[in-house]
All heavy atoms as atom14 arrays in JSON, in Angstrom:
{
  "sequence": "DCSRLEGWAKDPDTSLPTRVEIYRRPRVAGERPLATIKARRLRQDL",
  "atom14_mask": [
    [1, 1, 1, 1, 1, 1, 1, 1, 0, 0, 0, 0, 0, 0],
    [1, 1, 1, 1, 1, 1, 0, 0, 0, 0, 0, 0, 0, 0],
    [1, 1, 1, 1, 1, 1, 0, 0, 0, 0, 0, 0, 0, 0],
    [1, 1, 1, 1, 1, 1, 1, 1, 1, 1, 1, 0, 0, 0],
    [1, 1, 1, 1, 1, 1, 1, 1, 0, 0, 0, 0, 0, 0],
    [1, 1, 1, 1, 1, 1, 1, 1, 1, 0, 0, 0, 0, 0],
    [1, 1, 1, 1, 0, 0, 0, 0, 0, 0, 0, 0, 0, 0],
    [1, 1, 1, 1, 1, 1, 1, 1, 1, 1, 1, 1, 1, 1],
    [1, 1, 1, 1, 1, 0, 0, 0, 0, 0, 0, 0, 0, 0],
    [1, 1, 1, 1, 1, 1, 1, 1, 1, 0, 0, 0, 0, 0],
    [1, 1, 1, 1, 1, 1, 1, 1, 0, 0, 0, 0, 0, 0],
    [1, 1, 1, 1, 1, 1, 1, 0, 0, 0, 0, 0, 0, 0],
    [1, 1, 1, 1, 1, 1, 1, 1, 0, 0, 0, 0, 0, 0],
    [1, 1, 1, 1, 1, 1, 1, 0, 0, 0, 0, 0, 0, 0],
    [1, 1, 1, 1, 1, 1, 0, 0, 0, 0, 0, 0, 0, 0],
    [1, 1, 1, 1, 1, 1, 1, 1, 0, 0, 0, 0, 0, 0],
    [1, 1, 1, 1, 1, 1, 1, 0, 0, 0, 0, 0, 0, 0],
    [1, 1, 1, 1, 1, 1, 1, 0, 0, 0, 0, 0, 0, 0],
    [1, 1, 1, 1, 1, 1, 1, 1, 1, 1, 1, 0, 0, 0],
    [1, 1, 1, 1, 1, 1, 1, 0, 0, 0, 0, 0, 0, 0],
    [1, 1, 1, 1, 1, 1, 1, 1, 1, 0, 0, 0, 0, 0],
    [1, 1, 1, 1, 1, 1, 1, 1, 0, 0, 0, 0, 0, 0],
    [1, 1, 1, 1, 1, 1, 1, 1, 1, 1, 1, 1, 0, 0],
    [1, 1, 1, 1, 1, 1, 1, 1, 1, 1, 1, 0, 0, 0],
    [1, 1, 1, 1, 1, 1, 1, 1, 1, 1, 1, 0, 0, 0],
    [1, 1, 1, 1, 1, 1, 1, 0, 0, 0, 0, 0, 0, 0],
    [1, 1, 1, 1, 1, 1, 1, 1, 1, 1, 1, 0, 0, 0],
    [1, 1, 1, 1, 1, 1, 1, 0, 0, 0, 0, 0, 0, 0],
    [1, 1, 1, 1, 1, 0, 0, 0, 0, 0, 0, 0, 0, 0],
    [1, 1, 1, 1, 0, 0, 0, 0, 0, 0, 0, 0, 0, 0],
    [1, 1, 1, 1, 1, 1, 1, 1, 1, 0, 0, 0, 0, 0],
    [1, 1, 1, 1, 1, 1, 1, 1, 1, 1, 1, 0, 0, 0],
    [1, 1, 1, 1, 1, 1, 1, 0, 0, 0, 0, 0, 0, 0],
    [1, 1, 1, 1, 1, 1, 1, 1, 0, 0, 0, 0, 0, 0],
    [1, 1, 1, 1, 1, 0, 0, 0, 0, 0, 0, 0, 0, 0],
    [1, 1, 1, 1, 1, 1, 1, 0, 0, 0, 0, 0, 0, 0],
    [1, 1, 1, 1, 1, 1, 1, 1, 0, 0, 0, 0, 0, 0],
    [1, 1, 1, 1, 1, 1, 1, 1, 1, 0, 0, 0, 0, 0],
    [1, 1, 1, 1, 1, 0, 0, 0, 0, 0, 0, 0, 0, 0],
    [1, 1, 1, 1, 1, 1, 1, 1, 1, 1, 1, 0, 0, 0],
    [1, 1, 1, 1, 1, 1, 1, 1, 1, 1, 1, 0, 0, 0],
    [1, 1, 1, 1, 1, 1, 1, 1, 0, 0, 0, 0, 0, 0],
    [1, 1, 1, 1, 1, 1, 1, 1, 1, 1, 1, 0, 0, 0],
    [1, 1, 1, 1, 1, 1, 1, 1, 1, 0, 0, 0, 0, 0],
    [1, 1, 1, 1, 1, 1, 1, 1, 0, 0, 0, 0, 0, 0],
    [1, 1, 1, 1, 1, 1, 1, 1, 0, 0, 0, 0, 0, 0]
  ],
  "atom14_positions": [
    [[0.85, -1.18, 0.0], [0.0, 0.0, 0.0], [0.89, 1.23, 0.0], [2.1, 1.13, -0.18], [-0.99, -0.03, 1.18], [-0.3, -0.09, 2.53], [0.85, 0.42, 2.66], [-0.89, -0.63, 3.47], [0.0, 0.0, 0.0], [0.0, 0.0, 0.0], [0.0, 0.0, 0.0], [0.0, 0.0, 0.0], [0.0, 0.0, 0.0], [0.0, 0.0, 0.0]],
    [[0.29, 2.38, 0.2], [1.07, 3.61, 0.03], [2.02, 3.88, 1.19], [2.73, 4.88, 1.16], [0.13, 4.79, -0.2], [-0.46, 4.78, -1.9], [0.0, 0.0, 0.0], [0.0, 0.0, 0.0], [0.0, 0.0, 0.0], [0.0, 0.0, 0.0], [0.0, 0.0, 0.0], [0.0, 0.0, 0.0], [0.0, 0.0, 0.0], [0.0, 0.0, 0.0]],
    [[2.03, 3.04, 2.19], [3.02, 3.26, 3.24], [4.11, 2.2, 3.25], [5.27, 2.52, 3.48], [2.35, 3.35, 4.62], [1.6, 2.18, 4.87], [0.0, 0.0, 0.0], [0.0, 0.0, 0.0], [0.0, 0.0, 0.0], [0.0, 0.0, 0.0], [0.0, 0.0, 0.0], [0.0, 0.0, 0.0], [0.0, 0.0, 0.0], [0.0, 0.0, 0.0]],
    [[3.76, 0.91, 3.0], [4.79, -0.12, 3.13], [4.61, -1.26, 2.13], [3.51, -1.51, 1.64], [4.78, -0.71, 4.54], [5.03, 0.36, 5.6], [5.51, -0.19, 6.92], [6.88, -0.67, 6.91], [7.96, 0.1, 6.87], [7.86, 1.41, 6.8], [9.16, -0.43, 6.9], [0.0, 0.0, 0.0], [0.0, 0.0, 0.0], [0.0, 0.0, 0.0]],
    [[5.74, -1.94, 1.89], [5.74, -3.21, 1.16], [6.22, -4.25, 2.16], [7.28, -4.09, 2.77], [6.71, -3.15, -0.02], [6.48, -2.03, -1.04], [7.59, -2.04, -2.09], [5.12, -2.16, -1.7], [0.0, 0.0, 0.0], [0.0, 0.0, 0.0], [0.0, 0.0, 0.0], [0.0, 0.0, 0.0], [0.0, 0.0, 0.0], [0.0, 0.0, 0.0]],
    [[5.42, -5.31, 2.35], [5.76, -6.3, 3.38], [5.52, -7.71, 2.88], [4.68, -7.95, 2.03], [4.92, -6.08, 4.65], [5.23, -4.78, 5.34], [4.44, -4.59, 6.64], [3.5, -5.35, 6.9], [4.79, -3.66, 7.38], [0.0, 0.0, 0.0], [0.0, 0.0, 0.0], [0.0, 0.0, 0.0], [0.0, 0.0, 0.0], [0.0, 0.0, 0.0]],
    [[6.26, -8.64, 3.49], [6.09, -10.05, 3.19], [7.25, -10.82, 3.77], [7.9, -10.38, 4.73], [0.0, 0.0, 0.0], [0.0, 0.0, 0.0], [0.0, 0.0, 0.0], [0.0, 0.0, 0.0], [0.0, 0.0, 0.0], [0.0, 0.0, 0.0], [0.0, 0.0, 0.0], [0.0, 0.0, 0.0], [0.0, 0.0, 0.0], [0.0, 0.0, 0.0]],
    [[7.53, -11.96, 3.18], [8.67, -12.75, 3.63], [9.26, -13.5, 2.44], [8.61, -13.68, 1.42], [8.29, -13.72, 4.75], [7.29, -14.79, 4.38], [5.93, -14.7, 4.48], [7.57, -16.08, 3.83], [5.35, -15.86, 4.04], [6.33, -16.74, 3.64], [8.74, -16.75, 3.49], [6.25, -18.02, 3.11], [8.65, -18.04, 2.97], [7.42, -18.66, 2.79]],
    [[10.53, -13.89, 2.58], [11.22, -14.66, 1.55], [12.29, -15.51, 2.22], [12.96, -15.03, 3.15], [11.86, -13.73, 0.52], [0.0, 0.0, 0.0], [0.0, 0.0, 0.0], [0.0, 0.0, 0.0], [0.0, 0.0, 0.0], [0.0, 0.0, 0.0], [0.0, 0.0, 0.0], [0.0, 0.0, 0.0], [0.0, 0.0, 0.0], [0.0, 0.0, 0.0]],
    [[12.43, -16.73, 1.75], [13.39, -17.65, 2.35], [13.92, -18.58, 1.27], [13.15, -19.14, 0.5], [12.67, -18.48, 3.43], [13.41, -19.74, 3.87], [14.29, -19.47, 5.07], [14.89, -20.73, 5.68], [16.07, -21.23, 5.0], [0.0, 0.0, 0.0], [0.0, 0.0, 0.0], [0.0, 0.0, 0.0], [0.0, 0.0, 0.0], [0.0, 0.0, 0.0]],
    [[15.24, -18.7, 1.24], [15.87, -19.66, 0.34], [16.21, -20.91, 1.15], [16.95, -20.81, 2.12], [17.13, -19.06, -0.28], [17.67, -19.91, -1.42], [17.72, -21.15, -1.25], [18.05, -19.36, -2.45], [0.0, 0.0, 0.0], [0.0, 0.0, 0.0], [0.0, 0.0, 0.0], [0.0, 0.0, 0.0], [0.0, 0.0, 0.0], [0.0, 0.0, 0.0]],
    [[15.67, -22.07, 0.78], [15.92, -23.27, 1.57], [17.38, -23.71, 1.59], [17.77, -24.5, 2.44], [15.07, -24.35, 0.87], [14.19, -23.64, -0.08], [14.79, -22.3, -0.36], [0.0, 0.0, 0.0], [0.0, 0.0, 0.0], [0.0, 0.0, 0.0], [0.0, 0.0, 0.0], [0.0, 0.0, 0.0], [0.0, 0.0, 0.0], [0.0, 0.0, 0.0]],
    [[18.19, -23.18, 0.66], [19.57, -23.65, 0.56], [20.53, -22.98, 1.54], [21.67, -23.38, 1.66], [20.1, -23.41, -0.86], [19.27, -24.15, -1.89], [18.91, -25.3, -1.62], [18.96, -23.56, -2.93], [0.0, 0.0, 0.0], [0.0, 0.0, 0.0], [0.0, 0.0, 0.0], [0.0, 0.0, 0.0], [0.0, 0.0, 0.0], [0.0, 0.0, 0.0]],
    [[20.09, -21.94, 2.21], [20.99, -21.2, 3.08], [20.19, -20.53, 4.18], [19.0, -20.28, 4.03], [21.77, -20.13, 2.27], [22.59, -19.38, 3.17], [20.85, -19.18, 1.54], [0.0, 0.0, 0.0], [0.0, 0.0, 0.0], [0.0, 0.0, 0.0], [0.0, 0.0, 0.0], [0.0, 0.0, 0.0], [0.0, 0.0, 0.0], [0.0, 0.0, 0.0]],
    [[20.85, -20.25, 5.3], [20.18, -19.5, 6.37], [20.42, -18.01, 6.21], [19.92, -17.2, 6.99], [20.7, -19.97, 7.74], [22.09, -19.76, 7.79], [0.0, 0.0, 0.0], [0.0, 0.0, 0.0], [0.0, 0.0, 0.0], [0.0, 0.0, 0.0], [0.0, 0.0, 0.0], [0.0, 0.0, 0.0], [0.0, 0.0, 0.0], [0.0, 0.0, 0.0]],
    [[21.21, -17.61, 5.2], [21.45, -16.19, 4.96], [20.16, -15.5, 4.52], [19.28, -16.14, 3.95], [22.5, -16.03, 3.87], [23.91, -16.49, 4.25], [24.79, -16.6, 3.02], [24.51, -15.53, 5.26], [0.0, 0.0, 0.0], [0.0, 0.0, 0.0], [0.0, 0.0, 0.0], [0.0, 0.0, 0.0], [0.0, 0.0, 0.0], [0.0, 0.0, 0.0]],
    [[20.06, -14.19, 4.79], [18.83, -13.48, 4.36], [18.69, -13.5, 2.84], [19.66, -13.35, 2.12], [19.04, -12.05, 4.87], [20.33, -12.01, 5.56], [21.0, -13.34, 5.48], [0.0, 0.0, 0.0], [0.0, 0.0, 0.0], [0.0, 0.0, 0.0], [0.0, 0.0, 0.0], [0.0, 0.0, 0.0], [0.0, 0.0, 0.0], [0.0, 0.0, 0.0]],
    [[17.47, -13.67, 2.41], [17.17, -13.66, 0.98], [16.98, -12.22, 0.52], [16.31, -11.44, 1.18], [15.89, -14.48, 0.71], [16.12, -15.82, 1.15], [15.53, -14.49, -0.76], [0.0, 0.0, 0.0], [0.0, 0.0, 0.0], [0.0, 0.0, 0.0], [0.0, 0.0, 0.0], [0.0, 0.0, 0.0], [0.0, 0.0, 0.0], [0.0, 0.0, 0.0]],
    [[17.6, -11.89, -0.61], [17.42, -10.55, -1.17], [16.19, -10.53, -2.06], [15.97, -11.44, -2.85], [18.66, -10.14, -1.94], [19.77, -9.78, -0.97], [21.1, -9.68, -1.63], [21.14, -8.7, -2.69], [22.26, -8.35, -3.3], [23.39, -8.87, -2.95], [22.24, -7.46, -4.27], [0.0, 0.0, 0.0], [0.0, 0.0, 0.0], [0.0, 0.0, 0.0]],
    [[15.4, -9.46, -1.9], [14.18, -9.29, -2.69], [14.33, -8.01, -3.5], [14.67, -6.96, -2.96], [12.94, -9.21, -1.77], [11.68, -8.92, -2.58], [12.79, -10.5, -0.96], [0.0, 0.0, 0.0], [0.0, 0.0, 0.0], [0.0, 0.0, 0.0], [0.0, 0.0, 0.0], [0.0, 0.0, 0.0], [0.0, 0.0, 0.0], [0.0, 0.0, 0.0]],
    [[14.08, -8.11, -4.8], [14.15, -6.94, -5.67], [12.74, -6.48, -6.01], [11.84, -7.29, -6.22], [14.89, -7.27, -6.97], [16.37, -7.54, -6.75], [17.12, -7.83, -8.04], [16.47, -8.14, -9.08], [18.35, -7.76, -8.03], [0.0, 0.0, 0.0], [0.0, 0.0, 0.0], [0.0, 0.0, 0.0], [0.0, 0.0, 0.0], [0.0, 0.0, 0.0]],
    [[12.57, -5.16, -6.07], [11.28, -4.53, -6.35], [11.35, -3.85, -7.72], [12.28, -3.07, -7.97], [10.96, -3.46, -5.29], [11.16, -3.98, -3.88], [9.57, -2.87, -5.51], [10.15, -4.95, -3.4], [0.0, 0.0, 0.0], [0.0, 0.0, 0.0], [0.0, 0.0, 0.0], [0.0, 0.0, 0.0], [0.0, 0.0, 0.0], [0.0, 0.0, 0.0]],
    [[10.37, -4.13, -8.56], [10.28, -3.51, -9.89], [8.88, -2.94, -10.09], [7.92, -3.44, -9.51], [10.55, -4.54, -10.99], [11.97, -5.05, -11.02], [12.36, -6.11, -10.22], [12.92, -4.46, -11.85], [13.67, -6.58, -10.24], [14.23, -4.92, -11.88], [14.6, -5.98, -11.07], [15.88, -6.43, -11.09], [0.0, 0.0, 0.0], [0.0, 0.0, 0.0]],
    [[8.78, -1.92, -10.95], [7.5, -1.3, -11.24], [6.73, -2.08, -12.3], [5.56, -1.85, -12.52], [7.69, 0.14, -11.72], [6.35, 0.88, -11.81], [6.41, 2.19, -12.55], [7.13, 3.21, -11.86], [8.35, 3.63, -12.2], [8.99, 3.11, -13.22], [8.94, 4.58, -11.52], [0.0, 0.0, 0.0], [0.0, 0.0, 0.0], [0.0, 0.0, 0.0]],
    [[7.38, -2.99, -12.98], [6.73, -3.79, -14.03], [7.51, -5.1, -14.09], [8.52, -5.23, -13.42], [6.78, -3.05, -15.37], [8.19, -2.71, -15.79], [8.22, -1.85, -17.05], [9.58, -1.36, -17.27], [10.04, -0.21, -16.74], [9.25, 0.53, -15.98], [11.27, 0.17, -16.97], [0.0, 0.0, 0.0], [0.0, 0.0, 0.0], [0.0, 0.0, 0.0]],
    [[7.06, -6.06, -14.9], [7.85, -7.29, -14.98], [9.29, -6.97, -15.37], [9.53, -6.14, -16.25], [7.14, -8.09, -16.08], [5.73, -7.58, -16.06], [5.83, -6.12, -15.69], [0.0, 0.0, 0.0], [0.0, 0.0, 0.0], [0.0, 0.0, 0.0], [0.0, 0.0, 0.0], [0.0, 0.0, 0.0], [0.0, 0.0, 0.0], [0.0, 0.0, 0.0]],
    [[10.22, -7.62, -14.7], [11.64, -7.34, -14.93], [12.06, -7.75, -16.33], [11.65, -8.79, -16.83], [12.47, -8.13, -13.92], [13.94, -7.91, -14.07], [14.76, -8.78, -13.12], [16.17, -8.57, -13.39], [16.85, -9.28, -14.3], [16.25, -10.22, -15.0], [18.12, -9.01, -14.51], [0.0, 0.0, 0.0], [0.0, 0.0, 0.0], [0.0, 0.0, 0.0]],
    [[12.88, -6.91, -16.95], [13.53, -7.29, -18.21], [15.02, -7.37, -17.95], [15.55, -6.69, -17.06], [13.22, -6.29, -19.35], [11.75, -6.34, -19.73], [13.6, -4.88, -18.95], [0.0, 0.0, 0.0], [0.0, 0.0, 0.0], [0.0, 0.0, 0.0], [0.0, 0.0, 0.0], [0.0, 0.0, 0.0], [0.0, 0.0, 0.0], [0.0, 0.0, 0.0]],
    [[15.71, -8.21, -18.7], [17.14, -8.45, -18.47], [17.91, -7.14, -18.45], [17.7, -6.27, -19.29], [17.68, -9.38, -19.55], [0.0, 0.0, 0.0], [0.0, 0.0, 0.0], [0.0, 0.0, 0.0], [0.0, 0.0, 0.0], [0.0, 0.0, 0.0], [0.0, 0.0, 0.0], [0.0, 0.0, 0.0], [0.0, 0.0, 0.0], [0.0, 0.0, 0.0]],
    [[18.78, -6.99, -17.48], [19.64, -5.82, -17.4], [19.0, -4.64, -16.68], [19.68, -3.65, -16.4], [0.0, 0.0, 0.0], [0.0, 0.0, 0.0], [0.0, 0.0, 0.0], [0.0, 0.0, 0.0], [0.0, 0.0, 0.0], [0.0, 0.0, 0.0], [0.0, 0.0, 0.0], [0.0, 0.0, 0.0], [0.0, 0.0, 0.0], [0.0, 0.0, 0.0]],
    [[17.72, -4.72, -16.39], [17.05, -3.61, -15.72], [17.43, -3.57, -14.25], [17.58, -4.61, -13.61], [15.53, -3.79, -15.87], [14.74, -2.64, -15.27], [13.23, -2.85, -15.4], [12.82, -3.89, -15.9], [12.5, -1.94, -15.0], [0.0, 0.0, 0.0], [0.0, 0.0, 0.0], [0.0, 0.0, 0.0], [0.0, 0.0, 0.0], [0.0, 0.0, 0.0]],
    [[17.59, -2.37, -13.72], [17.91, -2.23, -12.3], [16.63, -2.13, -11.49], [15.7, -1.46, -11.9], [18.78, -0.99, -12.08], [20.09, -1.05, -12.84], [21.13, -0.06, -12.35], [21.39, -0.14, -10.93], [22.12, -1.11, -10.34], [22.62, -2.09, -11.06], [22.33, -1.09, -9.05], [0.0, 0.0, 0.0], [0.0, 0.0, 0.0], [0.0, 0.0, 0.0]],
    [[16.6, -2.77, -10.32], [15.39, -2.69, -9.5], [15.23, -1.31, -8.88], [16.2, -0.58, -8.72], [15.64, -3.74, -8.4], [17.13, -3.88, -8.34], [17.64, -3.61, -9.72], [0.0, 0.0, 0.0], [0.0, 0.0, 0.0], [0.0, 0.0, 0.0], [0.0, 0.0, 0.0], [0.0, 0.0, 0.0], [0.0, 0.0, 0.0], [0.0, 0.0, 0.0]],
    [[13.98, -0.96, -8.53], [13.74, 0.28, -7.79], [14.37, 0.18, -6.4], [14.8, 1.17, -5.83], [12.24, 0.52, -7.63], [11.47, 0.91, -8.88], [9.99, 1.01, -8.58], [11.98, 2.24, -9.43], [0.0, 0.0, 0.0], [0.0, 0.0, 0.0], [0.0, 0.0, 0.0], [0.0, 0.0, 0.0], [0.0, 0.0, 0.0], [0.0, 0.0, 0.0]],
    [[14.36, -1.03, -5.85], [14.93, -1.25, -4.52], [15.31, -2.71, -4.38], [14.71, -3.57, -5.01], [13.92, -0.87, -3.44], [0.0, 0.0, 0.0], [0.0, 0.0, 0.0], [0.0, 0.0, 0.0], [0.0, 0.0, 0.0], [0.0, 0.0, 0.0], [0.0, 0.0, 0.0], [0.0, 0.0, 0.0], [0.0, 0.0, 0.0], [0.0, 0.0, 0.0]],
    [[16.33, -2.95, -3.57], [16.7, -4.31, -3.18], [16.7, -4.35, -1.67], [17.32, -3.5, -1.02], [18.1, -4.69, -3.71], [18.12, -4.56, -5.12], [18.44, -6.13, -3.34], [0.0, 0.0, 0.0], [0.0, 0.0, 0.0], [0.0, 0.0, 0.0], [0.0, 0.0, 0.0], [0.0, 0.0, 0.0], [0.0, 0.0, 0.0], [0.0, 0.0, 0.0]],
    [[15.98, -5.31, -1.1], [15.87, -5.39, 0.35], [16.28, -6.77, 0.82], [16.16, -7.74, 0.07], [14.43, -5.07, 0.82], [13.41, -5.87, 0.02], [14.14, -3.6, 0.73], [11.99, -5.52, 0.29], [0.0, 0.0, 0.0], [0.0, 0.0, 0.0], [0.0, 0.0, 0.0], [0.0, 0.0, 0.0], [0.0, 0.0, 0.0], [0.0, 0.0, 0.0]],
    [[16.78, -6.84, 2.02], [17.13, -8.14, 2.61], [16.0, -8.57, 3.53], [15.62, -7.83, 4.44], [18.43, -8.04, 3.39], [19.65, -8.09, 2.51], [20.92, -8.23, 3.33], [22.12, -8.4, 2.41], [23.37, -8.36, 3.15], [0.0, 0.0, 0.0], [0.0, 0.0, 0.0], [0.0, 0.0, 0.0], [0.0, 0.0, 0.0], [0.0, 0.0, 0.0]],
    [[15.49, -9.77, 3.28], [14.42, -10.3, 4.12], [15.06, -10.88, 5.38], [15.48, -12.03, 5.4], [13.62, -11.35, 3.36], [0.0, 0.0, 0.0], [0.0, 0.0, 0.0], [0.0, 0.0, 0.0], [0.0, 0.0, 0.0], [0.0, 0.0, 0.0], [0.0, 0.0, 0.0], [0.0, 0.0, 0.0], [0.0, 0.0, 0.0], [0.0, 0.0, 0.0]],
    [[15.17, -10.05, 6.42], [15.82, -10.51, 7.64], [15.11, -10.02, 8.9], [15.69, -10.02, 9.99], [17.29, -10.09, 7.65], [17.51, -8.6, 7.59], [18.98, -8.28, 7.63], [19.22, -6.87, 7.42], [20.34, -6.37, 6.95], [21.34, -7.16, 6.65], [20.47, -5.07, 6.8], [0.0, 0.0, 0.0], [0.0, 0.0, 0.0], [0.0, 0.0, 0.0]],
    [[13.87, -9.58, 8.75], [13.1, -9.17, 9.94], [12.61, -10.39, 10.69], [12.27, -11.41, 10.09], [11.89, -8.34, 9.52], [12.27, -6.95, 9.04], [11.05, -6.1, 8.93], [10.3, -6.1, 10.18], [9.35, -5.24, 10.48], [8.99, -4.33, 9.63], [8.72, -5.31, 11.63], [0.0, 0.0, 0.0], [0.0, 0.0, 0.0], [0.0, 0.0, 0.0]],
    [[12.53, -10.26, 12.0], [12.06, -11.35, 12.84], [10.59, -11.66, 12.55], [9.75, -10.76, 12.56], [12.23, -10.95, 14.31], [11.95, -12.04, 15.34], [12.95, -13.18, 15.17], [12.06, -11.45, 16.74], [0.0, 0.0, 0.0], [0.0, 0.0, 0.0], [0.0, 0.0, 0.0], [0.0, 0.0, 0.0], [0.0, 0.0, 0.0], [0.0, 0.0, 0.0]],
    [[10.3, -12.92, 12.23], [8.94, -13.36, 11.95], [8.73, -14.71, 12.64], [8.99, -15.76, 12.07], [8.74, -13.51, 10.44], [8.56, -12.19, 9.7], [7.19, -11.58, 9.95], [6.11, -12.44, 9.52], [5.57, -12.42, 8.3], [5.97, -11.55, 7.4], [4.59, -13.25, 8.0], [0.0, 0.0, 0.0], [0.0, 0.0, 0.0], [0.0, 0.0, 0.0]],
    [[8.25, -14.66, 13.88], [8.06, -15.9, 14.64], [6.96, -16.77, 14.05], [6.86, -17.96, 14.37], [7.7, -15.57, 16.1], [8.76, -14.74, 16.82], [9.99, -15.55, 17.23], [10.17, -16.68, 16.81], [10.83, -14.95, 18.05], [0.0, 0.0, 0.0], [0.0, 0.0, 0.0], [0.0, 0.0, 0.0], [0.0, 0.0, 0.0], [0.0, 0.0, 0.0]],
    [[6.09, -16.19, 13.21], [4.96, -16.96, 12.67], [5.36, -17.88, 11.53], [4.56, -18.7, 11.08], [3.87, -15.99, 12.2], [4.37, -15.03, 11.11], [5.47, -14.46, 11.29], [3.67, -14.86, 10.11], [0.0, 0.0, 0.0], [0.0, 0.0, 0.0], [0.0, 0.0, 0.0], [0.0, 0.0, 0.0], [0.0, 0.0, 0.0], [0.0, 0.0, 0.0]],
    [[6.58, -17.76, 11.03], [6.99, -18.59, 9.9], [7.57, -19.92, 10.39], [8.23, -19.96, 11.42], [8.04, -17.84, 9.05], [7.55, -16.53, 8.44], [8.68, -15.82, 7.71], [6.39, -16.76, 7.48], [0.0, 0.0, 0.0], [0.0, 0.0, 0.0], [0.0, 0.0, 0.0], [0.0, 0.0, 0.0], [0.0, 0.0, 0.0], [0.0, 0.0, 0.0]]
  ]
}
């Protein structure tokens, strides 16, 4: 929504935080994301 983007992401192959890229449209090769975030917030519900 207009205040936040939220969710979760996990790669089963590693315990390292998963990076999530944000795009305004479907990604095309070579395009830079609007933002890259690390999914590393505490989520006890997962």
